[in-house]
Amino acid sequence: GSWCAHLALEKGYTVVGTVRNPDAKKATFLRNAIAGKRDDATNLKTKFNFSEKAASNLTLVSADLLAGDEFWDEEIFAKIKPDYVFHTASPYFGREPDDPQEYIRPAVEGTTSVMKAA
């Protein structure tokens, strides 16, 4: 998702990124980019410097993919009217499921909620 946000910012779009926890360690490079800290805005996983345009055109919003239709309608899209939606998230529970539906069902339901609300 961050690579899509980076490219959209570089093309001049304003980006609202939804993340589980904006204060999480893995979002540090995004927070640093928003704060204009260029030396600290490198995503260590991918080794790229995030767009300098993040300082003025990126906002992070806390969101849970599995929160349901009402959450996306009332908490996200009631406040934000996007022209486009890049949905790149999928639930991940850190283990191999006994039943593949443990991953597939929440991924489909979460994606459906986001797209219906958009």
N, C-alpha and C. Protein backbone atom coordinates (compact mmCIF):
# COMPACT_ATOMS: atom_id res chain seq x y z
N GLY A 1 0.79 -1.19 0.00
CA GLY A 1 0.00 0.00 0.00
C GLY A 1 0.84 1.27 0.00
N SER A 2 1.96 1.25 0.72
CA SER A 2 2.77 2.47 0.81
C SER A 2 3.38 2.83 -0.54
N TRP A 3 3.68 1.82 -1.34
CA TRP A 3 4.23 2.11 -2.67
C TRP A 3 3.18 2.79 -3.55
N CYS A 4 1.93 2.36 -3.47
CA CYS A 4 0.84 3.01 -4.20
C CYS A 4 0.67 4.45 -3.72
N ALA A 5 0.73 4.65 -2.41
CA ALA A 5 0.61 6.00 -1.85
C ALA A 5 1.76 6.88 -2.34
N HIS A 6 2.96 6.35 -2.33
CA HIS A 6 4.13 7.08 -2.81
C HIS A 6 3.94 7.54 -4.26
N LEU A 7 3.52 6.62 -5.12
CA LEU A 7 3.32 6.96 -6.53
C LEU A 7 2.21 7.98 -6.71
N ALA A 8 1.11 7.83 -5.97
CA ALA A 8 0.01 8.80 -6.07
C ALA A 8 0.47 10.18 -5.62
N LEU A 9 1.22 10.24 -4.53
CA LEU A 9 1.76 11.53 -4.07
C LEU A 9 2.66 12.16 -5.12
N GLU A 10 3.52 11.37 -5.71
CA GLU A 10 4.44 11.88 -6.74
C GLU A 10 3.68 12.40 -7.96
N LYS A 11 2.49 11.86 -8.22
CA LYS A 11 1.65 12.33 -9.34
C LYS A 11 0.79 13.53 -8.95
N GLY A 12 0.88 13.97 -7.69
CA GLY A 12 0.17 15.17 -7.27
C GLY A 12 -1.14 14.96 -6.55
N TYR A 13 -1.46 13.72 -6.22
CA TYR A 13 -2.71 13.44 -5.50
C TYR A 13 -2.54 13.67 -4.01
N THR A 14 -3.63 14.00 -3.35
CA THR A 14 -3.69 14.00 -1.90
C THR A 14 -4.08 12.59 -1.49
N VAL A 15 -3.39 12.03 -0.50
CA VAL A 15 -3.59 10.64 -0.12
C VAL A 15 -4.00 10.55 1.35
N VAL A 16 -5.04 9.78 1.59
CA VAL A 16 -5.42 9.43 2.94
C VAL A 16 -5.15 7.94 3.07
N GLY A 17 -4.21 7.59 3.92
CA GLY A 17 -3.84 6.20 4.10
C GLY A 17 -4.49 5.63 5.34
N THR A 18 -5.15 4.50 5.19
CA THR A 18 -5.72 3.84 6.36
C THR A 18 -4.75 2.77 6.81
N VAL A 19 -4.47 2.77 8.09
CA VAL A 19 -3.57 1.80 8.70
C VAL A 19 -4.20 1.31 9.99
N ARG A 20 -3.86 0.10 10.40
CA ARG A 20 -4.42 -0.43 11.65
C ARG A 20 -4.06 0.48 12.82
N ASN A 21 -2.80 0.87 12.88
CA ASN A 21 -2.33 1.69 13.98
C ASN A 21 -1.31 2.70 13.46
N PRO A 22 -1.69 3.97 13.33
CA PRO A 22 -0.75 4.97 12.82
C PRO A 22 0.48 5.14 13.70
N ASP A 23 0.43 4.70 14.94
CA ASP A 23 1.56 4.83 15.85
C ASP A 23 2.47 3.60 15.87
N ALA A 24 2.14 2.59 15.08
CA ALA A 24 2.92 1.36 15.05
C ALA A 24 4.32 1.62 14.48
N LYS A 25 5.26 0.79 14.92
CA LYS A 25 6.64 0.92 14.46
C LYS A 25 6.75 0.87 12.94
N LYS A 26 5.97 -0.03 12.31
CA LYS A 26 6.09 -0.17 10.86
C LYS A 26 5.55 1.03 10.09
N ALA A 27 4.85 1.94 10.77
CA ALA A 27 4.37 3.17 10.13
C ALA A 27 5.30 4.35 10.40
N THR A 28 6.42 4.10 11.07
CA THR A 28 7.34 5.19 11.43
C THR A 28 7.79 5.97 10.21
N PHE A 29 8.15 5.28 9.14
CA PHE A 29 8.65 5.99 7.95
C PHE A 29 7.56 6.88 7.35
N LEU A 30 6.30 6.50 7.48
CA LEU A 30 5.21 7.35 6.99
C LEU A 30 5.04 8.58 7.87
N ARG A 31 5.07 8.38 9.18
CA ARG A 31 4.98 9.53 10.10
C ARG A 31 6.14 10.48 9.89
N ASN A 32 7.33 9.92 9.69
CA ASN A 32 8.50 10.77 9.46
C ASN A 32 8.37 11.55 8.16
N ALA A 33 7.85 10.91 7.13
CA ALA A 33 7.65 11.60 5.85
C ALA A 33 6.65 12.74 6.01
N ILE A 34 5.57 12.48 6.75
CA ILE A 34 4.57 13.52 7.00
C ILE A 34 5.19 14.69 7.76
N ALA A 35 6.09 14.37 8.68
CA ALA A 35 6.76 15.40 9.49
C ALA A 35 7.88 16.10 8.73
N GLY A 36 8.16 15.65 7.50
CA GLY A 36 9.20 16.27 6.69
C GLY A 36 10.61 15.83 7.07
N LYS A 37 10.73 14.73 7.81
CA LYS A 37 12.04 14.21 8.21
C LYS A 37 12.57 13.31 7.10
N ARG A 38 13.28 13.88 6.17
CA ARG A 38 13.74 13.12 5.01
C ARG A 38 14.71 12.00 5.36
N ASP A 39 15.63 12.24 6.29
CA ASP A 39 16.61 11.20 6.63
C ASP A 39 15.95 10.00 7.30
N ASP A 40 14.79 10.22 7.91
CA ASP A 40 14.11 9.15 8.63
C ASP A 40 12.88 8.64 7.90
N ALA A 41 12.70 9.01 6.64
CA ALA A 41 11.50 8.62 5.91
C ALA A 41 11.76 7.47 4.95
N THR A 42 12.73 6.63 5.29
CA THR A 42 13.05 5.50 4.45
C THR A 42 12.34 4.26 4.99
N ASN A 43 11.64 3.58 4.12
CA ASN A 43 11.01 2.32 4.48
C ASN A 43 12.11 1.27 4.46
N LEU A 44 12.49 0.77 5.62
CA LEU A 44 13.61 -0.16 5.71
C LEU A 44 13.33 -1.49 5.02
N LYS A 45 12.06 -1.86 4.90
CA LYS A 45 11.74 -3.11 4.22
C LYS A 45 12.02 -3.01 2.73
N THR A 46 11.72 -1.86 2.15
CA THR A 46 11.84 -1.73 0.70
C THR A 46 13.00 -0.83 0.28
N LYS A 47 13.62 -0.17 1.24
CA LYS A 47 14.80 0.67 1.00
C LYS A 47 14.55 1.81 0.02
N PHE A 48 13.38 2.43 0.10
CA PHE A 48 13.15 3.61 -0.72
C PHE A 48 12.75 4.78 0.15
N ASN A 49 13.13 5.98 -0.29
CA ASN A 49 12.73 7.19 0.42
C ASN A 49 11.33 7.55 -0.02
N PHE A 50 10.47 7.74 0.96
CA PHE A 50 9.08 8.04 0.67
C PHE A 50 8.96 9.46 0.12
N SER A 51 7.94 9.70 -0.65
CA SER A 51 7.71 10.97 -1.33
C SER A 51 7.82 12.17 -0.39
N GLU A 52 8.56 13.18 -0.81
CA GLU A 52 8.65 14.43 -0.06
C GLU A 52 7.29 15.13 0.00
N LYS A 53 6.40 14.81 -0.92
CA LYS A 53 5.07 15.43 -0.96
C LYS A 53 4.17 14.95 0.18
N ALA A 54 4.64 13.93 0.92
CA ALA A 54 3.86 13.42 2.05
C ALA A 54 3.67 14.50 3.11
N ALA A 55 4.64 15.40 3.24
CA ALA A 55 4.56 16.43 4.28
C ALA A 55 3.32 17.29 4.13
N SER A 56 2.86 17.48 2.92
CA SER A 56 1.69 18.34 2.73
C SER A 56 0.47 17.60 2.17
N ASN A 57 0.65 16.37 1.73
CA ASN A 57 -0.45 15.70 1.04
C ASN A 57 -0.77 14.29 1.51
N LEU A 58 -0.26 13.89 2.68
CA LEU A 58 -0.56 12.56 3.20
C LEU A 58 -1.11 12.67 4.62
N THR A 59 -2.20 11.96 4.85
CA THR A 59 -2.80 11.84 6.17
C THR A 59 -2.97 10.36 6.47
N LEU A 60 -2.68 9.95 7.70
CA LEU A 60 -2.91 8.58 8.11
C LEU A 60 -4.14 8.52 9.01
N VAL A 61 -4.98 7.53 8.78
CA VAL A 61 -6.21 7.34 9.55
C VAL A 61 -6.22 5.91 10.07
N SER A 62 -6.56 5.75 11.33
CA SER A 62 -6.67 4.42 11.92
C SER A 62 -7.93 3.74 11.41
N ALA A 63 -7.79 2.52 10.90
CA ALA A 63 -8.94 1.79 10.37
C ALA A 63 -8.72 0.30 10.53
N ASP A 64 -9.80 -0.39 10.80
CA ASP A 64 -9.78 -1.85 10.91
C ASP A 64 -10.56 -2.40 9.73
N LEU A 65 -9.89 -3.14 8.89
CA LEU A 65 -10.52 -3.71 7.69
C LEU A 65 -11.77 -4.51 8.03
N LEU A 66 -11.78 -5.13 9.19
CA LEU A 66 -12.89 -6.01 9.56
C LEU A 66 -13.94 -5.33 10.43
N ALA A 67 -13.92 -4.00 10.49
CA ALA A 67 -14.85 -3.27 11.36
C ALA A 67 -16.28 -3.27 10.85
N GLY A 68 -16.51 -3.63 9.62
CA GLY A 68 -17.88 -3.70 9.10
C GLY A 68 -18.28 -2.49 8.28
N ASP A 69 -19.40 -2.64 7.59
CA ASP A 69 -19.89 -1.61 6.66
C ASP A 69 -20.10 -0.26 7.34
N GLU A 70 -20.70 -0.27 8.53
CA GLU A 70 -21.03 1.00 9.20
C GLU A 70 -19.78 1.81 9.49
N PHE A 71 -18.73 1.15 9.93
CA PHE A 71 -17.48 1.85 10.23
C PHE A 71 -16.98 2.61 9.02
N TRP A 72 -16.91 1.91 7.90
CA TRP A 72 -16.37 2.54 6.69
C TRP A 72 -17.29 3.66 6.21
N ASP A 73 -18.61 3.46 6.31
CA ASP A 73 -19.56 4.50 5.93
C ASP A 73 -19.46 5.72 6.83
N GLU A 74 -19.47 5.49 8.14
CA GLU A 74 -19.60 6.58 9.10
C GLU A 74 -18.27 7.18 9.54
N GLU A 75 -17.24 6.37 9.67
CA GLU A 75 -15.98 6.85 10.22
C GLU A 75 -14.96 7.26 9.17
N ILE A 76 -15.03 6.69 8.01
CA ILE A 76 -14.03 6.99 6.99
C ILE A 76 -14.64 7.81 5.85
N PHE A 77 -15.56 7.22 5.10
CA PHE A 77 -16.05 7.87 3.89
C PHE A 77 -17.06 8.99 4.13
N ALA A 78 -17.60 9.10 5.33
CA ALA A 78 -18.45 10.26 5.64
C ALA A 78 -17.59 11.52 5.78
N LYS A 79 -16.31 11.32 6.14
CA LYS A 79 -15.39 12.43 6.34
C LYS A 79 -14.49 12.68 5.14
N ILE A 80 -14.28 11.66 4.35
CA ILE A 80 -13.36 11.71 3.21
C ILE A 80 -14.12 11.32 1.96
N LYS A 81 -14.05 12.13 0.94
CA LYS A 81 -14.72 11.83 -0.33
C LYS A 81 -13.65 11.60 -1.40
N PRO A 82 -13.14 10.38 -1.49
CA PRO A 82 -12.04 10.14 -2.43
C PRO A 82 -12.51 10.06 -3.88
N ASP A 83 -11.60 10.42 -4.76
CA ASP A 83 -11.85 10.21 -6.19
C ASP A 83 -11.53 8.77 -6.57
N TYR A 84 -10.57 8.18 -5.87
CA TYR A 84 -10.13 6.82 -6.17
C TYR A 84 -9.85 6.10 -4.85
N VAL A 85 -9.97 4.77 -4.88
CA VAL A 85 -9.62 3.95 -3.72
C VAL A 85 -8.66 2.85 -4.20
N PHE A 86 -7.50 2.79 -3.57
CA PHE A 86 -6.58 1.66 -3.74
C PHE A 86 -6.74 0.81 -2.50
N HIS A 87 -7.29 -0.35 -2.66
CA HIS A 87 -7.47 -1.24 -1.51
C HIS A 87 -6.44 -2.35 -1.61
N THR A 88 -5.42 -2.28 -0.76
CA THR A 88 -4.34 -3.26 -0.82
C THR A 88 -4.22 -4.10 0.45
N ALA A 89 -5.08 -3.86 1.42
CA ALA A 89 -4.99 -4.57 2.70
C ALA A 89 -5.68 -5.92 2.64
N SER A 90 -5.20 -6.79 3.48
CA SER A 90 -5.85 -8.08 3.67
C SER A 90 -5.55 -8.53 5.09
N PRO A 91 -6.51 -9.12 5.76
CA PRO A 91 -6.24 -9.58 7.12
C PRO A 91 -5.17 -10.66 7.12
N TYR A 92 -4.34 -10.61 8.12
CA TYR A 92 -3.30 -11.63 8.27
C TYR A 92 -3.19 -11.95 9.76
N PHE A 93 -3.27 -13.20 10.10
CA PHE A 93 -3.34 -13.60 11.50
C PHE A 93 -2.07 -14.26 12.00
N GLY A 94 -1.02 -14.30 11.20
CA GLY A 94 0.27 -14.77 11.66
C GLY A 94 0.44 -16.28 11.77
N ARG A 95 -0.43 -17.02 11.16
CA ARG A 95 -0.32 -18.47 11.21
C ARG A 95 -1.02 -19.07 10.00
N GLU A 96 -0.68 -20.29 9.67
CA GLU A 96 -1.37 -20.98 8.59
C GLU A 96 -2.73 -21.43 9.11
N PRO A 97 -3.78 -21.09 8.39
CA PRO A 97 -5.12 -21.45 8.89
C PRO A 97 -5.41 -22.94 8.72
N ASP A 98 -6.23 -23.45 9.62
CA ASP A 98 -6.71 -24.83 9.46
C ASP A 98 -7.63 -24.92 8.25
N ASP A 99 -8.38 -23.86 8.04
CA ASP A 99 -9.33 -23.79 6.93
C ASP A 99 -9.02 -22.50 6.15
N PRO A 100 -8.74 -22.57 4.85
CA PRO A 100 -8.43 -21.37 4.07
C PRO A 100 -9.51 -20.28 4.18
N GLN A 101 -10.74 -20.66 4.49
CA GLN A 101 -11.81 -19.67 4.63
C GLN A 101 -11.55 -18.71 5.80
N GLU A 102 -10.68 -19.12 6.74
CA GLU A 102 -10.32 -18.23 7.84
C GLU A 102 -9.66 -16.95 7.33
N TYR A 103 -8.99 -17.03 6.20
CA TYR A 103 -8.38 -15.86 5.56
C TYR A 103 -9.27 -15.29 4.47
N ILE A 104 -9.86 -16.17 3.68
CA ILE A 104 -10.62 -15.74 2.51
C ILE A 104 -11.87 -14.96 2.92
N ARG A 105 -12.66 -15.50 3.85
CA ARG A 105 -13.90 -14.84 4.25
C ARG A 105 -13.66 -13.42 4.77
N PRO A 106 -12.75 -13.19 5.74
CA PRO A 106 -12.55 -11.81 6.20
C PRO A 106 -11.98 -10.90 5.12
N ALA A 107 -11.15 -11.44 4.23
CA ALA A 107 -10.61 -10.61 3.15
C ALA A 107 -11.72 -10.14 2.22
N VAL A 108 -12.62 -11.06 1.87
CA VAL A 108 -13.73 -10.71 0.99
C VAL A 108 -14.69 -9.75 1.69
N GLU A 109 -15.02 -10.04 2.95
CA GLU A 109 -15.94 -9.17 3.68
C GLU A 109 -15.36 -7.77 3.88
N GLY A 110 -14.07 -7.70 4.24
CA GLY A 110 -13.42 -6.40 4.42
C GLY A 110 -13.38 -5.60 3.13
N THR A 111 -13.00 -6.26 2.05
CA THR A 111 -12.95 -5.58 0.75
C THR A 111 -14.33 -5.11 0.33
N THR A 112 -15.34 -5.94 0.54
CA THR A 112 -16.71 -5.57 0.19
C THR A 112 -17.16 -4.35 0.98
N SER A 113 -16.85 -4.30 2.27
CA SER A 113 -17.22 -3.15 3.10
C SER A 113 -16.59 -1.86 2.58
N VAL A 114 -15.31 -1.93 2.27
CA VAL A 114 -14.60 -0.75 1.78
C VAL A 114 -15.20 -0.28 0.45
N MET A 115 -15.40 -1.19 -0.46
CA MET A 115 -15.86 -0.80 -1.79
C MET A 115 -17.32 -0.31 -1.76
N LYS A 116 -18.16 -0.93 -0.94
CA LYS A 116 -19.54 -0.46 -0.82
C LYS A 116 -19.59 0.95 -0.27
N ALA A 117 -18.76 1.24 0.71
CA ALA A 117 -18.76 2.56 1.34
C ALA A 117 -18.17 3.62 0.42
N ALA A 118 -17.22 3.23 -0.41
CA ALA A 118 -16.59 4.20 -1.31
C ALA A 118 -17.57 4.64 -2.36
